[in-house]
Amino acid sequence: MSTNIGYALALNDALTVSTSVAGIFTPRTEFSRAVLLSRERYSLQLGLTSLLAKGLYIEPTVSFGLNGPGSNVTFGVNLPYTFMP
């Protein structure tokens, strides 16, 4: 099971900032000779959406792991294109 909550704010007609918090919950699993304990993972994602051209956007993001034995950082870039008539 996973949960995601976020917020986005348009600064103008070409720039938006966003943030979200995600949680993934894995229940306890039992096999005939082994038991996998339940796990919870949380992350915080920060993003920016900018208009490059008509219908073309760039969305760089950075995500930080909020729990676990080590620091997790993930960088990403999306280039969505919207086809307009």
PDB file of N, CA and C in Angstrom:
ATOM      1  N   MET A   1       0.846  -1.157   0.000  1.00  0.00           N
ATOM      2  CA  MET A   1       0.000   0.000   0.000  1.00  0.00           C
ATOM      3  C   MET A   1       0.902   1.233   0.000  1.00  0.00           C
ATOM      4  N   SER A   2       0.500   2.250  -0.729  1.00  0.00           N
ATOM      5  CA  SER A   2       1.278   3.481  -0.769  1.00  0.00           C
ATOM      6  C   SER A   2       0.350   4.681  -0.624  1.00  0.00           C
ATOM      7  N   THR A   3       0.917   5.756  -0.103  1.00  0.00           N
ATOM      8  CA  THR A   3       0.195   7.006   0.086  1.00  0.00           C
ATOM      9  C   THR A   3       1.068   8.137  -0.414  1.00  0.00           C
ATOM     10  N   ASN A   4       0.439   9.104  -1.073  1.00  0.00           N
ATOM     11  CA  ASN A   4       1.172  10.240  -1.607  1.00  0.00           C
ATOM     12  C   ASN A   4       0.328  11.486  -1.386  1.00  0.00           C
ATOM     13  N   ILE A   5       0.944  12.535  -0.862  1.00  0.00           N
ATOM     14  CA  ILE A   5       0.249  13.800  -0.671  1.00  0.00           C
ATOM     15  C   ILE A   5       1.193  14.911  -1.140  1.00  0.00           C
ATOM     16  N   GLY A   6       0.634  15.888  -1.821  1.00  0.00           N
ATOM     17  CA  GLY A   6       1.499  16.923  -2.355  1.00  0.00           C
ATOM     18  C   GLY A   6       0.797  18.243  -2.526  1.00  0.00           C
ATOM     19  N   TYR A   7       1.600  19.227  -2.928  1.00  0.00           N
ATOM     20  CA  TYR A   7       1.097  20.576  -3.120  1.00  0.00           C
ATOM     21  C   TYR A   7       1.889  21.223  -4.243  1.00  0.00           C
ATOM     22  N   ALA A   8       1.199  21.948  -5.115  1.00  0.00           N
ATOM     23  CA  ALA A   8       1.861  22.676  -6.204  1.00  0.00           C
ATOM     24  C   ALA A   8       1.378  24.120  -6.187  1.00  0.00           C
ATOM     25  N   LEU A   9       2.277  25.010  -6.533  1.00  0.00           N
ATOM     26  CA  LEU A   9       1.960  26.431  -6.543  1.00  0.00           C
ATOM     27  C   LEU A   9       2.455  27.039  -7.849  1.00  0.00           C
ATOM     28  N   ALA A  10       1.536  27.610  -8.621  1.00  0.00           N
ATOM     29  CA  ALA A  10       1.906  28.284  -9.866  1.00  0.00           C
ATOM     30  C   ALA A  10       2.385  29.687  -9.541  1.00  0.00           C
ATOM     31  N   LEU A  11       3.630  29.972  -9.883  1.00  0.00           N
ATOM     32  CA  LEU A  11       4.188  31.299  -9.635  1.00  0.00           C
ATOM     33  C   LEU A  11       3.765  32.298 -10.711  1.00  0.00           C
ATOM     34  N   ASN A  12       3.622  31.791 -11.937  1.00  0.00           N
ATOM     35  CA  ASN A  12       3.084  32.583 -13.046  1.00  0.00           C
ATOM     36  C   ASN A  12       2.583  31.588 -14.090  1.00  0.00           C
ATOM     37  N   ASP A  13       2.296  32.039 -15.314  1.00  0.00           N
ATOM     38  CA  ASP A  13       1.738  31.130 -16.311  1.00  0.00           C
ATOM     39  C   ASP A  13       2.764  30.175 -16.917  1.00  0.00           C
ATOM     40  N   ALA A  14       4.042  30.269 -16.548  1.00  0.00           N
ATOM     41  CA  ALA A  14       5.071  29.411 -17.124  1.00  0.00           C
ATOM     42  C   ALA A  14       5.928  28.692 -16.085  1.00  0.00           C
ATOM     43  N   LEU A  15       5.671  28.900 -14.783  1.00  0.00           N
ATOM     44  CA  LEU A  15       6.536  28.313 -13.757  1.00  0.00           C
ATOM     45  C   LEU A  15       5.715  27.835 -12.560  1.00  0.00           C
ATOM     46  N   THR A  16       5.956  26.593 -12.136  1.00  0.00           N
ATOM     47  CA  THR A  16       5.266  25.994 -11.002  1.00  0.00           C
ATOM     48  C   THR A  16       6.270  25.283 -10.115  1.00  0.00           C
ATOM     49  N   VAL A  17       6.135  25.426  -8.804  1.00  0.00           N
ATOM     50  CA  VAL A  17       6.940  24.666  -7.852  1.00  0.00           C
ATOM     51  C   VAL A  17       6.019  23.659  -7.170  1.00  0.00           C
ATOM     52  N   SER A  18       6.564  22.497  -6.823  1.00  0.00           N
ATOM     53  CA  SER A  18       5.744  21.458  -6.206  1.00  0.00           C
ATOM     54  C   SER A  18       6.545  20.704  -5.162  1.00  0.00           C
ATOM     55  N   THR A  19       5.826  20.091  -4.251  1.00  0.00           N
ATOM     56  CA  THR A  19       6.423  19.235  -3.234  1.00  0.00           C
ATOM     57  C   THR A  19       5.443  18.107  -2.920  1.00  0.00           C
ATOM     58  N   SER A  20       5.970  16.960  -2.570  1.00  0.00           N
ATOM     59  CA  SER A  20       5.116  15.846  -2.180  1.00  0.00           C
ATOM     60  C   SER A  20       5.854  14.960  -1.185  1.00  0.00           C
ATOM     61  N   VAL A  21       5.070  14.288  -0.365  1.00  0.00           N
ATOM     62  CA  VAL A  21       5.580  13.307   0.586  1.00  0.00           C
ATOM     63  C   VAL A  21       4.920  11.986   0.245  1.00  0.00           C
ATOM     64  N   ALA A  22       5.725  10.945   0.124  1.00  0.00           N
ATOM     65  CA  ALA A  22       5.211   9.624  -0.230  1.00  0.00           C
ATOM     66  C   ALA A  22       5.585   8.625   0.856  1.00  0.00           C
ATOM     67  N   GLY A  23       4.692   7.689   1.101  1.00  0.00           N
ATOM     68  CA  GLY A  23       4.946   6.610   2.046  1.00  0.00           C
ATOM     69  C   GLY A  23       4.551   5.283   1.441  1.00  0.00           C
ATOM     70  N   ILE A  24       5.401   4.286   1.598  1.00  0.00           N
ATOM     71  CA  ILE A  24       5.118   2.931   1.116  1.00  0.00           C
ATOM     72  C   ILE A  24       5.133   2.007   2.319  1.00  0.00           C
ATOM     73  N   PHE A  25       4.087   1.219   2.452  1.00  0.00           N
ATOM     74  CA  PHE A  25       3.941   0.320   3.581  1.00  0.00           C
ATOM     75  C   PHE A  25       3.858  -1.113   3.076  1.00  0.00           C
ATOM     76  N   THR A  26       4.771  -1.961   3.533  1.00  0.00           N
ATOM     77  CA  THR A  26       4.782  -3.375   3.159  1.00  0.00           C
ATOM     78  C   THR A  26       4.381  -4.176   4.385  1.00  0.00           C
ATOM     79  N   PRO A  27       3.290  -4.958   4.301  1.00  0.00           N
ATOM     80  CA  PRO A  27       2.856  -5.715   5.478  1.00  0.00           C
ATOM     81  C   PRO A  27       3.786  -6.897   5.771  1.00  0.00           C
ATOM     82  N   ARG A  28       3.636  -7.444   6.949  1.00  0.00           N
ATOM     83  CA  ARG A  28       4.396  -8.627   7.359  1.00  0.00           C
ATOM     84  C   ARG A  28       3.981  -9.795   6.470  1.00  0.00           C
ATOM     85  N   THR A  29       4.969 -10.537   5.948  1.00  0.00           N
ATOM     86  CA  THR A  29       4.717 -11.668   5.063  1.00  0.00           C
ATOM     87  C   THR A  29       5.303 -12.927   5.691  1.00  0.00           C
ATOM     88  N   GLU A  30       4.517 -13.993   5.734  1.00  0.00           N
ATOM     89  CA  GLU A  30       4.978 -15.247   6.319  1.00  0.00           C
ATOM     90  C   GLU A  30       5.043 -16.327   5.251  1.00  0.00           C
ATOM     91  N   PHE A  31       6.164 -17.039   5.226  1.00  0.00           N
ATOM     92  CA  PHE A  31       6.347 -18.204   4.375  1.00  0.00           C
ATOM     93  C   PHE A  31       6.407 -19.430   5.274  1.00  0.00           C
ATOM     94  N   SER A  32       6.605 -20.589   4.700  1.00  0.00           N
ATOM     95  CA  SER A  32       6.630 -21.805   5.510  1.00  0.00           C
ATOM     96  C   SER A  32       7.778 -21.807   6.522  1.00  0.00           C
ATOM     97  N   ARG A  33       8.942 -21.244   6.180  1.00  0.00           N
ATOM     98  CA  ARG A  33      10.086 -21.254   7.095  1.00  0.00           C
ATOM     99  C   ARG A  33      10.717 -19.885   7.309  1.00  0.00           C
ATOM    100  N   ALA A  34      10.083 -18.829   6.856  1.00  0.00           N
ATOM    101  CA  ALA A  34      10.664 -17.496   7.002  1.00  0.00           C
ATOM    102  C   ALA A  34       9.558 -16.460   7.192  1.00  0.00           C
ATOM    103  N   VAL A  35       9.917 -15.374   7.832  1.00  0.00           N
ATOM    104  CA  VAL A  35       8.997 -14.259   8.050  1.00  0.00           C
ATOM    105  C   VAL A  35       9.694 -12.980   7.616  1.00  0.00           C
ATOM    106  N   LEU A  36       9.053 -12.231   6.734  1.00  0.00           N
ATOM    107  CA  LEU A  36       9.552 -10.912   6.335  1.00  0.00           C
ATOM    108  C   LEU A  36       8.796  -9.867   7.139  1.00  0.00           C
ATOM    109  N   LEU A  37       9.525  -9.061   7.891  1.00  0.00           N
ATOM    110  CA  LEU A  37       8.898  -8.059   8.734  1.00  0.00           C
ATOM    111  C   LEU A  37       8.315  -6.924   7.898  1.00  0.00           C
ATOM    112  N   SER A  38       7.371  -6.219   8.472  1.00  0.00           N
ATOM    113  CA  SER A  38       6.773  -5.087   7.762  1.00  0.00           C
ATOM    114  C   SER A  38       7.805  -3.968   7.641  1.00  0.00           C
ATOM    115  N   ARG A  39       7.659  -3.164   6.588  1.00  0.00           N
ATOM    116  CA  ARG A  39       8.587  -2.053   6.336  1.00  0.00           C
ATOM    117  C   ARG A  39       7.785  -0.813   5.989  1.00  0.00           C
ATOM    118  N   GLU A  40       8.357   0.315   6.328  1.00  0.00           N
ATOM    119  CA  GLU A  40       7.779   1.612   5.971  1.00  0.00           C
ATOM    120  C   GLU A  40       8.892   2.475   5.383  1.00  0.00           C
ATOM    121  N   ARG A  41       8.617   3.107   4.260  1.00  0.00           N
ATOM    122  CA  ARG A  41       9.585   4.005   3.624  1.00  0.00           C
ATOM    123  C   ARG A  41       8.880   5.317   3.308  1.00  0.00           C
ATOM    124  N   TYR A  42       9.571   6.403   3.595  1.00  0.00           N
ATOM    125  CA  TYR A  42       9.022   7.736   3.348  1.00  0.00           C
ATOM    126  C   TYR A  42      10.017   8.540   2.525  1.00  0.00           C
ATOM    127  N   SER A  43       9.499   9.415   1.669  1.00  0.00           N
ATOM    128  CA  SER A  43      10.375  10.269   0.869  1.00  0.00           C
ATOM    129  C   SER A  43       9.721  11.631   0.658  1.00  0.00           C
ATOM    130  N   LEU A  44      10.563  12.625   0.454  1.00  0.00           N
ATOM    131  CA  LEU A  44      10.138  13.995   0.175  1.00  0.00           C
ATOM    132  C   LEU A  44      10.648  14.362  -1.205  1.00  0.00           C
ATOM    133  N   GLN A  45       9.745  14.815  -2.079  1.00  0.00           N
ATOM    134  CA  GLN A  45      10.130  15.190  -3.443  1.00  0.00           C
ATOM    135  C   GLN A  45       9.853  16.672  -3.668  1.00  0.00           C
ATOM    136  N   LEU A  46      10.836  17.359  -4.232  1.00  0.00           N
ATOM    137  CA  LEU A  46      10.711  18.773  -4.592  1.00  0.00           C
ATOM    138  C   LEU A  46      10.860  18.897  -6.099  1.00  0.00           C
ATOM    139  N   GLY A  47      10.011  19.682  -6.733  1.00  0.00           N
ATOM    140  CA  GLY A  47      10.060  19.786  -8.184  1.00  0.00           C
ATOM    141  C   GLY A  47       9.768  21.183  -8.682  1.00  0.00           C
ATOM    142  N   LEU A  48      10.057  21.371  -9.943  1.00  0.00           N
ATOM    143  CA  LEU A  48       9.852  22.642 -10.628  1.00  0.00           C
ATOM    144  C   LEU A  48       9.378  22.311 -12.040  1.00  0.00           C
ATOM    145  N   THR A  49       8.327  22.948 -12.486  1.00  0.00           N
ATOM    146  CA  THR A  49       7.844  22.766 -13.851  1.00  0.00           C
ATOM    147  C   THR A  49       7.947  24.098 -14.574  1.00  0.00           C
ATOM    148  N   SER A  50       8.590  24.068 -15.739  1.00  0.00           N
ATOM    149  CA  SER A  50       8.788  25.295 -16.497  1.00  0.00           C
ATOM    150  C   SER A  50       8.395  25.075 -17.953  1.00  0.00           C
ATOM    151  N   LEU A  51       7.754  26.051 -18.534  1.00  0.00           N
ATOM    152  CA  LEU A  51       7.351  26.013 -19.937  1.00  0.00           C
ATOM    153  C   LEU A  51       8.550  26.339 -20.820  1.00  0.00           C
ATOM    154  N   LEU A  52       8.901  25.415 -21.732  1.00  0.00           N
ATOM    155  CA  LEU A  52      10.006  25.651 -22.668  1.00  0.00           C
ATOM    156  C   LEU A  52       9.521  26.221 -23.991  1.00  0.00           C
ATOM    157  N   ALA A  53       8.443  25.655 -24.506  1.00  0.00           N
ATOM    158  CA  ALA A  53       7.836  26.078 -25.765  1.00  0.00           C
ATOM    159  C   ALA A  53       6.358  25.702 -25.694  1.00  0.00           C
ATOM    160  N   LYS A  54       5.579  26.097 -26.662  1.00  0.00           N
ATOM    161  CA  LYS A  54       4.153  25.797 -26.637  1.00  0.00           C
ATOM    162  C   LYS A  54       3.939  24.284 -26.557  1.00  0.00           C
ATOM    163  N   GLY A  55       3.396  23.823 -25.438  1.00  0.00           N
ATOM    164  CA  GLY A  55       3.117  22.405 -25.227  1.00  0.00           C
ATOM    165  C   GLY A  55       4.287  21.600 -24.673  1.00  0.00           C
ATOM    166  N   LEU A  56       5.479  22.168 -24.553  1.00  0.00           N
ATOM    167  CA  LEU A  56       6.663  21.451 -24.079  1.00  0.00           C
ATOM    168  C   LEU A  56       7.114  22.017 -22.735  1.00  0.00           C
ATOM    169  N   TYR A  57       7.246  21.127 -21.758  1.00  0.00           N
ATOM    170  CA  TYR A  57       7.628  21.518 -20.401  1.00  0.00           C
ATOM    171  C   TYR A  57       8.869  20.743 -19.972  1.00  0.00           C
ATOM    172  N   ILE A  58       9.580  21.264 -18.982  1.00  0.00           N
ATOM    173  CA  ILE A  58      10.673  20.538 -18.352  1.00  0.00           C
ATOM    174  C   ILE A  58      10.361  20.481 -16.856  1.00  0.00           C
ATOM    175  N   GLU A  59      10.548  19.298 -16.265  1.00  0.00           N
ATOM    176  CA  GLU A  59      10.229  19.083 -14.856  1.00  0.00           C
ATOM    177  C   GLU A  59      11.400  18.411 -14.132  1.00  0.00           C
ATOM    178  N   PRO A  60      12.373  19.172 -13.648  1.00  0.00           N
ATOM    179  CA  PRO A  60      13.424  18.568 -12.828  1.00  0.00           C
ATOM    180  C   PRO A  60      12.899  18.317 -11.409  1.00  0.00           C
ATOM    181  N   THR A  61      13.312  17.204 -10.802  1.00  0.00           N
ATOM    182  CA  THR A  61      12.902  16.862  -9.441  1.00  0.00           C
ATOM    183  C   THR A  61      14.098  16.347  -8.650  1.00  0.00           C
ATOM    184  N   VAL A  62      13.989  16.464  -7.343  1.00  0.00           N
ATOM    185  CA  VAL A  62      14.941  15.845  -6.432  1.00  0.00           C
ATOM    186  C   VAL A  62      14.113  15.224  -5.302  1.00  0.00           C
ATOM    187  N   SER A  63      14.473  14.005  -4.935  1.00  0.00           N
ATOM    188  CA  SER A  63      13.741  13.263  -3.914  1.00  0.00           C
ATOM    189  C   SER A  63      14.711  12.806  -2.835  1.00  0.00           C
ATOM    190  N   PHE A  64      14.317  12.984  -1.574  1.00  0.00           N
ATOM    191  CA  PHE A  64      15.148  12.610  -0.428  1.00  0.00           C
ATOM    192  C   PHE A  64      14.449  11.521   0.376  1.00  0.00           C
ATOM    193  N   GLY A  65      15.170  10.467   0.718  1.00  0.00           N
ATOM    194  CA  GLY A  65      14.634   9.453   1.613  1.00  0.00           C
ATOM    195  C   GLY A  65      14.607   9.998   3.025  1.00  0.00           C
ATOM    196  N   LEU A  66      13.495   9.802   3.731  1.00  0.00           N
ATOM    197  CA  LEU A  66      13.347  10.355   5.071  1.00  0.00           C
ATOM    198  C   LEU A  66      13.644   9.346   6.175  1.00  0.00           C
ATOM    199  N   ASN A  67      13.789   8.081   5.824  1.00  0.00           N
ATOM    200  CA  ASN A  67      14.141   7.088   6.835  1.00  0.00           C
ATOM    201  C   ASN A  67      15.016   6.017   6.202  1.00  0.00           C
ATOM    202  N   GLY A  68      15.551   5.154   7.008  1.00  0.00           N
ATOM    203  CA  GLY A  68      16.411   4.096   6.500  1.00  0.00           C
ATOM    204  C   GLY A  68      17.821   4.239   7.020  1.00  0.00           C
ATOM    205  N   PRO A  69      18.664   3.259   6.740  1.00  0.00           N
ATOM    206  CA  PRO A  69      20.018   3.271   7.277  1.00  0.00           C
ATOM    207  C   PRO A  69      20.942   4.291   6.609  1.00  0.00           C
ATOM    208  N   GLY A  70      20.641   4.709   5.396  1.00  0.00           N
ATOM    209  CA  GLY A  70      21.512   5.649   4.693  1.00  0.00           C
ATOM    210  C   GLY A  70      20.704   6.745   4.042  1.00  0.00           C
ATOM    211  N   SER A  71      21.385   7.751   3.565  1.00  0.00           N
ATOM    212  CA  SER A  71      20.713   8.852   2.883  1.00  0.00           C
ATOM    213  C   SER A  71      20.450   8.461   1.432  1.00  0.00           C
ATOM    214  N   ASN A  72      19.214   8.634   1.008  1.00  0.00           N
ATOM    215  CA  ASN A  72      18.831   8.361  -0.373  1.00  0.00           C
ATOM    216  C   ASN A  72      18.492   9.681  -1.041  1.00  0.00           C
ATOM    217  N   VAL A  73      19.109   9.942  -2.179  1.00  0.00           N
ATOM    218  CA  VAL A  73      18.800  11.128  -2.973  1.00  0.00           C
ATOM    219  C   VAL A  73      18.632  10.679  -4.415  1.00  0.00           C
ATOM    220  N   THR A  74      17.538  11.101  -5.037  1.00  0.00           N
ATOM    221  CA  THR A  74      17.261  10.749  -6.425  1.00  0.00           C
ATOM    222  C   THR A  74      16.992  12.024  -7.206  1.00  0.00           C
ATOM    223  N   PHE A  75      17.632  12.143  -8.363  1.00  0.00           N
ATOM    224  CA  PHE A  75      17.402  13.272  -9.259  1.00  0.00           C
ATOM    225  C   PHE A  75      16.668  12.765 -10.496  1.00  0.00           C
ATOM    226  N   GLY A  76      15.763  13.567 -11.028  1.00  0.00           N
ATOM    227  CA  GLY A  76      15.037  13.160 -12.225  1.00  0.00           C
ATOM    228  C   GLY A  76      14.679  14.361 -13.085  1.00  0.00           C
ATOM    229  N   VAL A  77      14.446  14.095 -14.366  1.00  0.00           N
ATOM    230  CA  VAL A  77      14.004  15.133 -15.305  1.00  0.00           C
ATOM    231  C   VAL A  77      12.963  14.516 -16.229  1.00  0.00           C
ATOM    232  N   ASN A  78      11.819  15.166 -16.346  1.00  0.00           N
ATOM    233  CA  ASN A  78      10.775  14.781 -17.291  1.00  0.00           C
ATOM    234  C   ASN A  78      10.630  15.874 -18.330  1.00  0.00           C
ATOM    235  N   LEU A  79      10.315  15.470 -19.550  1.00  0.00           N
ATOM    236  CA  LEU A  79      10.042  16.425 -20.634  1.00  0.00           C
ATOM    237  C   LEU A  79       8.668  16.101 -21.236  1.00  0.00           C
ATOM    238  N   PRO A  80       7.594  16.440 -20.553  1.00  0.00           N
ATOM    239  CA  PRO A  80       6.265  16.156 -21.099  1.00  0.00           C
ATOM    240  C   PRO A  80       5.909  17.094 -22.247  1.00  0.00           C
ATOM    241  N   TYR A  81       5.223  16.542 -23.228  1.00  0.00           N
ATOM    242  CA  TYR A  81       4.750  17.338 -24.366  1.00  0.00           C
ATOM    243  C   TYR A  81       3.255  17.156 -24.491  1.00  0.00           C
ATOM    244  N   THR A  82       2.531  18.252 -24.602  1.00  0.00           N
ATOM    245  CA  THR A  82       1.081  18.225 -24.754  1.00  0.00           C
ATOM    246  C   THR A  82       0.738  18.568 -26.200  1.00  0.00           C
ATOM    247  N   PHE A  83       0.019  17.643 -26.872  1.00  0.00           N
ATOM    248  CA  PHE A  83      -0.398  17.890 -28.244  1.00  0.00           C
ATOM    249  C   PHE A  83      -1.635  18.748 -28.225  1.00  0.00           C
ATOM    250  N   MET A  84      -1.561  19.906 -28.867  1.00  0.00           N
ATOM    251  CA  MET A  84      -2.685  20.826 -28.902  1.00  0.00           C
ATOM    252  C   MET A  84      -3.187  20.939 -30.330  1.00  0.00           C
ATOM    253  N   PRO A  85      -4.511  20.989 -30.517  1.00  0.00           N
ATOM    254  CA  PRO A  85      -5.045  21.116 -31.889  1.00  0.00           C
ATOM    255  C   PRO A  85      -4.807  22.471 -32.488  1.00  0.00           C
TER     256      PRO A  85
END
